[in-house]
Amino acid sequence: MAMLAGVVGCEKGGTAAEGYDAKIEGTISLDGKPLDMGMVFFEKDGKSASSTIAEGGKLMDDGGVPSGKVKAKVSADMYAFMAGRVQAKSKPGEKAKGGGGPGGPPGEYRPIPKKYNDFNTSKLEFDLKPGVNTINIELTTK
């Protein structure tokens, strides 16, 4: 069982497993305005990991990503439902803020264009070195 747990942990991403020796920091924006919530996923040779997007567009280090040439994709889809719940509780005209529950992310939910939600169409690629990597991702709606 212990061996199985180790294998599962390696595939999960965000772990300190072998090959996850790069760390991410930086920012992400959409049309020049920082994104407040979502995830950036990194993939290399079948290994994947993620970085959480925090309020103000800050990329969080979720435990490491594979170093080398990686593809990336961005998604905020998982926050759409939570933001919708918050919007339903908001006053008319207010923007959806937060994740709709305790510990939910603060900030404004903004949908991300579909092209960024796929490794093959996002055109986001990075050459990550072992250690800390600062990246700034600028997405556009056009």
N, C-alpha and C. Protein backbone atom coordinates (compact mmCIF):
# COMPACT_ATOMS: atom_id res chain seq x y z
N MET A 1 0.82 -1.20 0.00
CA MET A 1 0.00 0.00 0.00
C MET A 1 0.86 1.26 0.00
N ALA A 2 1.93 1.27 0.78
CA ALA A 2 2.78 2.45 0.84
C ALA A 2 3.37 2.76 -0.53
N MET A 3 3.73 1.73 -1.27
CA MET A 3 4.28 1.94 -2.59
C MET A 3 3.23 2.53 -3.52
N LEU A 4 2.00 2.07 -3.44
CA LEU A 4 0.92 2.60 -4.26
C LEU A 4 0.68 4.07 -3.95
N ALA A 5 0.70 4.45 -2.69
CA ALA A 5 0.51 5.84 -2.30
C ALA A 5 1.60 6.71 -2.90
N GLY A 6 2.82 6.23 -2.94
CA GLY A 6 3.91 6.99 -3.54
C GLY A 6 3.71 7.20 -5.02
N VAL A 7 3.22 6.19 -5.72
CA VAL A 7 2.98 6.31 -7.15
C VAL A 7 1.86 7.31 -7.42
N VAL A 8 0.79 7.23 -6.66
CA VAL A 8 -0.32 8.16 -6.83
C VAL A 8 0.15 9.58 -6.57
N GLY A 9 0.97 9.78 -5.55
CA GLY A 9 1.47 11.11 -5.24
C GLY A 9 2.30 11.69 -6.36
N CYS A 10 3.05 10.88 -7.08
CA CYS A 10 3.89 11.36 -8.18
C CYS A 10 3.03 11.89 -9.32
N GLU A 11 1.92 11.26 -9.59
CA GLU A 11 1.09 11.66 -10.71
C GLU A 11 0.18 12.84 -10.37
N LYS A 12 -0.01 13.10 -9.12
CA LYS A 12 -0.96 14.10 -8.68
C LYS A 12 -0.55 15.51 -9.07
N GLY A 13 0.72 15.80 -9.12
CA GLY A 13 1.17 17.17 -9.35
C GLY A 13 1.17 17.91 -8.04
N GLY A 14 1.94 18.98 -8.00
CA GLY A 14 2.02 19.75 -6.77
C GLY A 14 2.77 19.03 -5.68
N THR A 15 3.43 17.93 -5.99
CA THR A 15 4.20 17.21 -5.00
C THR A 15 5.68 17.49 -5.22
N ALA A 16 6.50 17.06 -4.30
CA ALA A 16 7.94 17.23 -4.45
C ALA A 16 8.54 15.98 -5.08
N ALA A 17 7.80 15.31 -5.94
CA ALA A 17 8.25 14.08 -6.57
C ALA A 17 9.41 14.36 -7.52
N GLU A 18 10.13 13.31 -7.87
CA GLU A 18 11.24 13.44 -8.81
C GLU A 18 10.75 14.08 -10.10
N GLY A 19 11.49 15.06 -10.59
CA GLY A 19 11.12 15.75 -11.81
C GLY A 19 10.27 16.99 -11.58
N TYR A 20 9.85 17.22 -10.36
CA TYR A 20 9.05 18.40 -10.03
C TYR A 20 9.97 19.39 -9.29
N ASP A 21 11.05 19.77 -9.95
CA ASP A 21 12.08 20.55 -9.28
C ASP A 21 12.05 22.04 -9.62
N ALA A 22 11.05 22.48 -10.39
CA ALA A 22 10.88 23.90 -10.69
C ALA A 22 9.76 24.46 -9.83
N LYS A 23 9.91 25.68 -9.42
CA LYS A 23 8.88 26.36 -8.64
C LYS A 23 8.43 27.59 -9.44
N ILE A 24 7.17 27.94 -9.30
CA ILE A 24 6.58 29.03 -10.07
C ILE A 24 6.20 30.19 -9.17
N GLU A 25 6.53 31.39 -9.63
CA GLU A 25 6.00 32.61 -9.05
C GLU A 25 5.79 33.58 -10.21
N GLY A 26 5.01 34.59 -10.00
CA GLY A 26 4.75 35.56 -11.05
C GLY A 26 3.31 35.99 -11.05
N THR A 27 2.85 36.44 -12.22
CA THR A 27 1.50 36.97 -12.33
C THR A 27 0.82 36.49 -13.60
N ILE A 28 -0.51 36.64 -13.63
CA ILE A 28 -1.29 36.34 -14.82
C ILE A 28 -2.37 37.40 -14.96
N SER A 29 -2.58 37.83 -16.21
CA SER A 29 -3.60 38.85 -16.47
C SER A 29 -4.39 38.49 -17.73
N LEU A 30 -5.56 39.07 -17.83
CA LEU A 30 -6.42 38.92 -19.01
C LEU A 30 -6.75 40.32 -19.49
N ASP A 31 -6.33 40.63 -20.72
CA ASP A 31 -6.53 41.96 -21.30
C ASP A 31 -5.97 43.05 -20.38
N GLY A 32 -4.83 42.78 -19.78
CA GLY A 32 -4.15 43.77 -18.95
C GLY A 32 -4.63 43.88 -17.52
N LYS A 33 -5.69 43.16 -17.18
CA LYS A 33 -6.23 43.22 -15.82
C LYS A 33 -5.93 41.89 -15.12
N PRO A 34 -5.34 41.93 -13.91
CA PRO A 34 -5.00 40.68 -13.22
C PRO A 34 -6.21 39.77 -13.03
N LEU A 35 -6.00 38.47 -13.24
CA LEU A 35 -7.03 37.48 -12.93
C LEU A 35 -7.01 37.24 -11.43
N ASP A 36 -8.15 36.97 -10.85
CA ASP A 36 -8.24 36.77 -9.40
C ASP A 36 -8.39 35.32 -8.99
N MET A 37 -8.76 34.44 -9.94
CA MET A 37 -8.95 33.04 -9.56
C MET A 37 -8.82 32.14 -10.77
N GLY A 38 -8.42 30.93 -10.52
CA GLY A 38 -8.24 29.94 -11.57
C GLY A 38 -7.02 29.09 -11.28
N MET A 39 -6.60 28.34 -12.30
CA MET A 39 -5.44 27.46 -12.18
C MET A 39 -4.64 27.53 -13.48
N VAL A 40 -3.33 27.44 -13.35
CA VAL A 40 -2.45 27.25 -14.50
C VAL A 40 -1.90 25.84 -14.38
N PHE A 41 -2.06 25.05 -15.43
CA PHE A 41 -1.58 23.68 -15.44
C PHE A 41 -0.36 23.59 -16.36
N PHE A 42 0.66 22.86 -15.92
CA PHE A 42 1.88 22.68 -16.67
C PHE A 42 2.04 21.20 -16.99
N GLU A 43 2.53 20.88 -18.22
CA GLU A 43 2.66 19.49 -18.63
C GLU A 43 3.96 19.29 -19.40
N LYS A 44 4.63 18.18 -19.08
CA LYS A 44 5.84 17.78 -19.79
C LYS A 44 5.94 16.27 -19.72
N ASP A 45 6.01 15.62 -20.87
CA ASP A 45 6.22 14.17 -20.94
C ASP A 45 5.27 13.39 -20.03
N GLY A 46 4.00 13.77 -20.02
CA GLY A 46 3.02 13.06 -19.22
C GLY A 46 2.99 13.45 -17.75
N LYS A 47 3.92 14.28 -17.32
CA LYS A 47 3.90 14.78 -15.94
C LYS A 47 3.19 16.12 -15.94
N SER A 48 2.31 16.31 -14.97
CA SER A 48 1.62 17.59 -14.89
C SER A 48 1.56 18.09 -13.45
N ALA A 49 1.42 19.37 -13.33
CA ALA A 49 1.31 20.02 -12.03
C ALA A 49 0.56 21.33 -12.24
N SER A 50 0.25 22.00 -11.17
CA SER A 50 -0.54 23.22 -11.30
C SER A 50 -0.03 24.33 -10.40
N SER A 51 -0.50 25.53 -10.71
CA SER A 51 -0.26 26.70 -9.89
C SER A 51 -1.60 27.40 -9.72
N THR A 52 -1.98 27.68 -8.50
CA THR A 52 -3.23 28.36 -8.22
C THR A 52 -3.08 29.85 -8.49
N ILE A 53 -4.12 30.44 -9.07
CA ILE A 53 -4.14 31.88 -9.29
C ILE A 53 -4.85 32.52 -8.10
N ALA A 54 -4.15 33.42 -7.42
CA ALA A 54 -4.71 34.10 -6.26
C ALA A 54 -5.11 35.53 -6.63
N GLU A 55 -5.85 36.17 -5.75
CA GLU A 55 -6.32 37.53 -5.99
C GLU A 55 -5.17 38.43 -6.43
N GLY A 56 -5.43 39.27 -7.40
CA GLY A 56 -4.41 40.16 -7.93
C GLY A 56 -3.54 39.52 -9.00
N GLY A 57 -3.91 38.29 -9.44
CA GLY A 57 -3.18 37.61 -10.49
C GLY A 57 -1.90 36.95 -10.04
N LYS A 58 -1.75 36.76 -8.75
CA LYS A 58 -0.51 36.15 -8.24
C LYS A 58 -0.54 34.64 -8.46
N LEU A 59 0.54 34.11 -9.05
CA LEU A 59 0.69 32.67 -9.22
C LEU A 59 1.29 32.08 -7.96
N MET A 60 0.64 31.07 -7.41
CA MET A 60 1.09 30.45 -6.18
C MET A 60 1.90 29.19 -6.49
N ASP A 61 2.92 28.93 -5.71
CA ASP A 61 3.68 27.69 -5.85
C ASP A 61 2.93 26.59 -5.13
N ASP A 62 2.39 25.65 -5.90
CA ASP A 62 1.60 24.56 -5.33
C ASP A 62 2.42 23.31 -5.06
N GLY A 63 3.75 23.44 -5.00
CA GLY A 63 4.57 22.29 -4.64
C GLY A 63 5.55 21.85 -5.69
N GLY A 64 5.65 22.57 -6.79
CA GLY A 64 6.62 22.24 -7.81
C GLY A 64 6.00 21.76 -9.10
N VAL A 65 6.71 22.01 -10.19
CA VAL A 65 6.30 21.57 -11.52
C VAL A 65 7.51 20.96 -12.22
N PRO A 66 7.31 20.21 -13.31
CA PRO A 66 8.44 19.64 -14.02
C PRO A 66 9.31 20.75 -14.62
N SER A 67 10.62 20.61 -14.54
CA SER A 67 11.51 21.58 -15.18
C SER A 67 11.70 21.18 -16.64
N GLY A 68 12.25 22.10 -17.42
CA GLY A 68 12.44 21.87 -18.85
C GLY A 68 11.37 22.60 -19.64
N LYS A 69 11.23 22.21 -20.91
CA LYS A 69 10.21 22.84 -21.76
C LYS A 69 8.85 22.26 -21.44
N VAL A 70 7.96 23.12 -20.95
CA VAL A 70 6.61 22.69 -20.56
C VAL A 70 5.57 23.46 -21.35
N LYS A 71 4.43 22.81 -21.57
CA LYS A 71 3.26 23.48 -22.12
C LYS A 71 2.39 23.87 -20.94
N ALA A 72 1.58 24.91 -21.14
CA ALA A 72 0.69 25.34 -20.07
C ALA A 72 -0.71 25.60 -20.61
N LYS A 73 -1.68 25.48 -19.73
CA LYS A 73 -3.06 25.85 -20.04
C LYS A 73 -3.63 26.52 -18.80
N VAL A 74 -4.69 27.29 -18.99
CA VAL A 74 -5.28 28.06 -17.90
C VAL A 74 -6.77 27.78 -17.85
N SER A 75 -7.30 27.62 -16.65
CA SER A 75 -8.72 27.37 -16.49
C SER A 75 -9.27 28.07 -15.26
N ALA A 76 -10.46 28.62 -15.42
CA ALA A 76 -11.19 29.16 -14.27
C ALA A 76 -12.58 28.54 -14.23
N ASP A 77 -12.80 27.52 -15.07
CA ASP A 77 -14.12 26.89 -15.18
C ASP A 77 -14.65 26.40 -13.83
N MET A 78 -13.75 25.87 -13.01
CA MET A 78 -14.20 25.32 -11.74
C MET A 78 -14.75 26.39 -10.81
N TYR A 79 -14.42 27.65 -11.09
CA TYR A 79 -14.90 28.74 -10.25
C TYR A 79 -16.21 29.33 -10.76
N ALA A 80 -16.62 29.00 -11.99
CA ALA A 80 -17.82 29.58 -12.58
C ALA A 80 -19.05 29.27 -11.73
N PHE A 81 -19.20 28.02 -11.31
CA PHE A 81 -20.36 27.64 -10.50
C PHE A 81 -20.36 28.38 -9.17
N MET A 82 -19.19 28.41 -8.53
CA MET A 82 -19.11 29.08 -7.23
C MET A 82 -19.41 30.57 -7.38
N ALA A 83 -18.86 31.18 -8.43
CA ALA A 83 -19.11 32.60 -8.66
C ALA A 83 -20.58 32.84 -8.95
N GLY A 84 -21.22 31.92 -9.67
CA GLY A 84 -22.65 32.03 -9.94
C GLY A 84 -23.47 31.98 -8.67
N ARG A 85 -23.07 31.14 -7.72
CA ARG A 85 -23.76 31.07 -6.43
C ARG A 85 -23.62 32.40 -5.70
N VAL A 86 -22.43 32.97 -5.75
CA VAL A 86 -22.21 34.25 -5.09
C VAL A 86 -23.02 35.33 -5.79
N GLN A 87 -23.02 35.32 -7.13
CA GLN A 87 -23.76 36.33 -7.90
C GLN A 87 -25.24 36.28 -7.55
N ALA A 88 -25.79 35.07 -7.38
CA ALA A 88 -27.19 34.92 -7.05
C ALA A 88 -27.51 35.55 -5.69
N LYS A 89 -26.52 35.62 -4.82
CA LYS A 89 -26.73 36.19 -3.49
C LYS A 89 -26.39 37.68 -3.45
N SER A 90 -25.81 38.21 -4.55
CA SER A 90 -25.38 39.60 -4.60
C SER A 90 -26.53 40.52 -4.97
N LYS A 91 -26.29 41.79 -4.77
CA LYS A 91 -27.27 42.79 -5.18
C LYS A 91 -27.19 42.95 -6.70
N PRO A 92 -28.28 43.32 -7.35
CA PRO A 92 -28.26 43.51 -8.80
C PRO A 92 -27.14 44.48 -9.21
N GLY A 93 -26.39 44.09 -10.24
CA GLY A 93 -25.31 44.94 -10.74
C GLY A 93 -23.95 44.67 -10.12
N GLU A 94 -23.91 43.94 -9.00
CA GLU A 94 -22.63 43.62 -8.37
C GLU A 94 -21.94 42.52 -9.15
N LYS A 95 -20.62 42.58 -9.18
CA LYS A 95 -19.85 41.52 -9.83
C LYS A 95 -19.68 40.36 -8.87
N ALA A 96 -19.58 39.15 -9.42
CA ALA A 96 -19.37 37.95 -8.61
C ALA A 96 -18.01 38.02 -7.95
N LYS A 97 -17.99 37.86 -6.65
CA LYS A 97 -16.75 37.86 -5.90
C LYS A 97 -16.71 36.64 -5.01
N GLY A 98 -15.53 36.09 -4.85
CA GLY A 98 -15.33 35.00 -3.92
C GLY A 98 -15.80 33.66 -4.45
N GLY A 99 -15.52 32.65 -3.67
CA GLY A 99 -15.81 31.28 -4.08
C GLY A 99 -17.13 30.75 -3.59
N GLY A 100 -17.89 31.52 -2.88
CA GLY A 100 -19.21 31.09 -2.49
C GLY A 100 -19.25 30.25 -1.22
N GLY A 101 -18.15 30.13 -0.52
CA GLY A 101 -18.14 29.34 0.70
C GLY A 101 -16.93 29.68 1.53
N PRO A 102 -16.85 29.12 2.72
CA PRO A 102 -15.71 29.38 3.58
C PRO A 102 -14.41 28.96 2.89
N GLY A 103 -13.43 29.80 2.94
CA GLY A 103 -12.14 29.49 2.35
C GLY A 103 -12.12 29.65 0.85
N GLY A 104 -13.23 30.11 0.26
CA GLY A 104 -13.27 30.33 -1.18
C GLY A 104 -12.39 31.51 -1.55
N PRO A 105 -11.90 31.53 -2.79
CA PRO A 105 -10.99 32.60 -3.18
C PRO A 105 -11.70 33.94 -3.24
N PRO A 106 -11.05 35.00 -2.77
CA PRO A 106 -11.64 36.33 -2.92
C PRO A 106 -11.43 36.80 -4.36
N GLY A 107 -11.92 37.94 -4.69
CA GLY A 107 -11.69 38.50 -6.01
C GLY A 107 -12.85 38.28 -6.95
N GLU A 108 -12.67 38.75 -8.18
CA GLU A 108 -13.71 38.71 -9.19
C GLU A 108 -13.50 37.53 -10.13
N TYR A 109 -14.55 36.76 -10.38
CA TYR A 109 -14.50 35.68 -11.37
C TYR A 109 -14.61 36.30 -12.76
N ARG A 110 -13.69 35.90 -13.66
CA ARG A 110 -13.76 36.31 -15.07
C ARG A 110 -13.50 35.08 -15.92
N PRO A 111 -14.38 34.79 -16.88
CA PRO A 111 -14.15 33.63 -17.74
C PRO A 111 -12.91 33.82 -18.60
N ILE A 112 -12.24 32.71 -18.88
CA ILE A 112 -11.03 32.71 -19.69
C ILE A 112 -11.37 32.13 -21.06
N PRO A 113 -10.91 32.75 -22.15
CA PRO A 113 -11.21 32.21 -23.48
C PRO A 113 -10.82 30.74 -23.62
N LYS A 114 -11.65 29.96 -24.31
CA LYS A 114 -11.46 28.50 -24.41
C LYS A 114 -10.10 28.10 -24.97
N LYS A 115 -9.51 28.91 -25.84
CA LYS A 115 -8.24 28.52 -26.44
C LYS A 115 -7.15 28.31 -25.38
N TYR A 116 -7.27 28.97 -24.24
CA TYR A 116 -6.26 28.84 -23.19
C TYR A 116 -6.48 27.61 -22.31
N ASN A 117 -7.60 26.90 -22.50
CA ASN A 117 -7.94 25.76 -21.67
C ASN A 117 -7.46 24.43 -22.27
N ASP A 118 -6.53 24.50 -23.22
CA ASP A 118 -6.02 23.30 -23.86
C ASP A 118 -4.52 23.48 -24.11
N PHE A 119 -3.73 22.46 -23.77
CA PHE A 119 -2.28 22.55 -23.97
C PHE A 119 -1.92 22.81 -25.43
N ASN A 120 -2.71 22.28 -26.37
CA ASN A 120 -2.38 22.39 -27.79
C ASN A 120 -2.79 23.70 -28.43
N THR A 121 -3.76 24.42 -27.85
CA THR A 121 -4.21 25.67 -28.46
C THR A 121 -3.84 26.91 -27.67
N SER A 122 -3.34 26.74 -26.46
CA SER A 122 -3.03 27.90 -25.61
C SER A 122 -1.82 28.68 -26.11
N LYS A 123 -0.89 27.99 -26.78
CA LYS A 123 0.37 28.59 -27.23
C LYS A 123 1.19 29.12 -26.06
N LEU A 124 0.96 28.56 -24.88
CA LEU A 124 1.73 28.94 -23.70
C LEU A 124 2.80 27.87 -23.46
N GLU A 125 4.05 28.25 -23.62
CA GLU A 125 5.16 27.34 -23.40
C GLU A 125 6.24 28.07 -22.61
N PHE A 126 6.88 27.34 -21.72
CA PHE A 126 7.92 27.92 -20.88
C PHE A 126 9.08 26.96 -20.76
N ASP A 127 10.28 27.51 -20.64
CA ASP A 127 11.46 26.70 -20.39
C ASP A 127 11.82 26.93 -18.92
N LEU A 128 11.41 26.02 -18.07
CA LEU A 128 11.57 26.17 -16.63
C LEU A 128 12.88 25.53 -16.17
N LYS A 129 13.58 26.23 -15.33
CA LYS A 129 14.83 25.74 -14.75
C LYS A 129 14.54 25.18 -13.35
N PRO A 130 15.35 24.27 -12.87
CA PRO A 130 15.19 23.84 -11.47
C PRO A 130 15.33 25.06 -10.56
N GLY A 131 14.53 25.11 -9.52
CA GLY A 131 14.54 26.27 -8.63
C GLY A 131 13.37 27.19 -8.97
N VAL A 132 13.46 28.43 -8.52
CA VAL A 132 12.37 29.39 -8.67
C VAL A 132 12.39 30.01 -10.07
N ASN A 133 11.23 30.02 -10.71
CA ASN A 133 11.04 30.63 -12.03
C ASN A 133 9.97 31.70 -11.91
N THR A 134 10.26 32.91 -12.37
CA THR A 134 9.28 33.98 -12.38
C THR A 134 8.73 34.08 -13.79
N ILE A 135 7.43 33.88 -13.92
CA ILE A 135 6.78 34.01 -15.22
C ILE A 135 5.60 34.96 -15.11
N ASN A 136 5.38 35.71 -16.16
CA ASN A 136 4.25 36.62 -16.23
C ASN A 136 3.46 36.26 -17.47
N ILE A 137 2.23 35.82 -17.27
CA ILE A 137 1.38 35.34 -18.35
C ILE A 137 0.36 36.42 -18.69
N GLU A 138 0.31 36.80 -19.96
CA GLU A 138 -0.65 37.81 -20.40
C GLU A 138 -1.58 37.18 -21.43
N LEU A 139 -2.85 37.00 -21.03
CA LEU A 139 -3.86 36.43 -21.90
C LEU A 139 -4.67 37.55 -22.54
N THR A 140 -5.24 37.27 -23.71
CA THR A 140 -6.10 38.25 -24.37
C THR A 140 -7.40 37.57 -24.80
N THR A 141 -8.45 38.36 -24.91
CA THR A 141 -9.73 37.82 -25.36
C THR A 141 -9.80 37.81 -26.88
N LYS A 142 -8.85 38.40 -27.56
CA LYS A 142 -8.85 38.42 -29.04
C LYS A 142 -7.94 37.37 -29.61
